[in-house]
Amino acid sequence: MRKGTSAVLILGFLFVDFLFFHDMLKPGEQTTLPQYLTGLLSIPVLLLAAQELIRGPRSTSRGTH
């Protein structure tokens, strides 16, 4: 379940970033502050989701004391 959520987050943020930033190459288009903030905030989300995908299954040892 966590790996599926991580994959959806990665694909979703890549899609949103593409929609916002593909206009940067067009002459006369301006990128707004919310677009820059979305790109900036997507970096930690992408890194954490990628880390979750790369990392193996974690053992959840809960004490039964």
Protein backbone atom coordinates (compact mmCIF):
# COMPACT_ATOMS: atom_id res chain seq x y z
CA MET A 1 0.00 0.00 0.00
CA ARG A 2 2.79 2.43 0.90
CA LYS A 3 4.71 1.72 -2.29
CA GLY A 4 1.58 2.31 -4.34
CA THR A 5 0.98 5.63 -2.60
CA SER A 6 4.61 6.60 -3.18
CA ALA A 7 4.37 5.75 -6.86
CA VAL A 8 1.17 7.79 -7.23
CA LEU A 9 2.79 10.76 -5.46
CA ILE A 10 5.82 10.63 -7.75
CA LEU A 11 3.75 10.39 -10.93
CA GLY A 12 1.30 13.04 -9.73
CA PHE A 13 3.95 15.58 -8.82
CA LEU A 14 5.89 14.95 -12.02
CA PHE A 15 2.70 15.58 -14.01
CA VAL A 16 1.86 18.76 -12.09
CA ASP A 17 5.43 20.03 -12.41
CA PHE A 18 5.33 19.34 -16.14
CA LEU A 19 2.08 21.27 -16.52
CA PHE A 20 3.46 24.26 -14.64
CA PHE A 21 6.96 24.40 -16.00
CA HIS A 22 6.63 23.42 -19.65
CA ASP A 23 5.52 27.01 -20.28
CA MET A 24 8.86 28.36 -19.07
CA LEU A 25 10.37 27.70 -22.51
CA LYS A 26 7.65 29.62 -24.34
CA PRO A 27 8.52 33.24 -25.12
CA GLY A 28 6.40 35.74 -23.22
CA GLU A 29 5.18 33.28 -20.58
CA GLN A 30 5.85 34.12 -16.96
CA THR A 31 6.10 31.64 -14.14
CA THR A 32 4.27 32.77 -11.02
CA LEU A 33 5.30 32.46 -7.39
CA PRO A 34 2.79 29.64 -6.71
CA GLN A 35 4.29 27.70 -9.61
CA TYR A 36 7.80 28.13 -8.21
CA LEU A 37 6.59 27.13 -4.74
CA THR A 38 4.89 24.04 -6.14
CA GLY A 39 8.13 23.04 -7.82
CA LEU A 40 10.14 23.74 -4.68
CA LEU A 41 7.77 21.81 -2.43
CA SER A 42 7.60 18.88 -4.82
CA ILE A 43 11.31 18.17 -4.35
CA PRO A 44 11.05 16.79 -0.78
CA VAL A 45 7.86 14.90 -1.65
CA LEU A 46 9.57 13.26 -4.62
CA LEU A 47 12.66 12.42 -2.55
CA LEU A 48 10.66 10.90 0.31
CA ALA A 49 8.45 8.91 -2.06
CA ALA A 50 11.49 7.64 -3.99
CA GLN A 51 13.16 6.68 -0.71
CA GLU A 52 10.05 4.69 0.23
CA LEU A 53 10.11 2.88 -3.13
CA ILE A 54 13.83 2.09 -2.94
CA ARG A 55 13.87 0.99 0.66
CA GLY A 56 12.91 -2.59 1.37
CA PRO A 57 10.02 -3.56 3.61
CA ARG A 58 10.45 -2.23 7.11
CA SER A 59 9.94 -4.46 10.07
CA THR A 60 7.39 -3.07 12.47
CA SER A 61 8.35 -4.70 15.70
CA ARG A 62 5.98 -3.50 18.36
CA GLY A 63 6.63 -4.43 21.90
CA THR A 64 4.06 -6.63 23.58
CA HIS A 65 5.08 -5.76 27.09
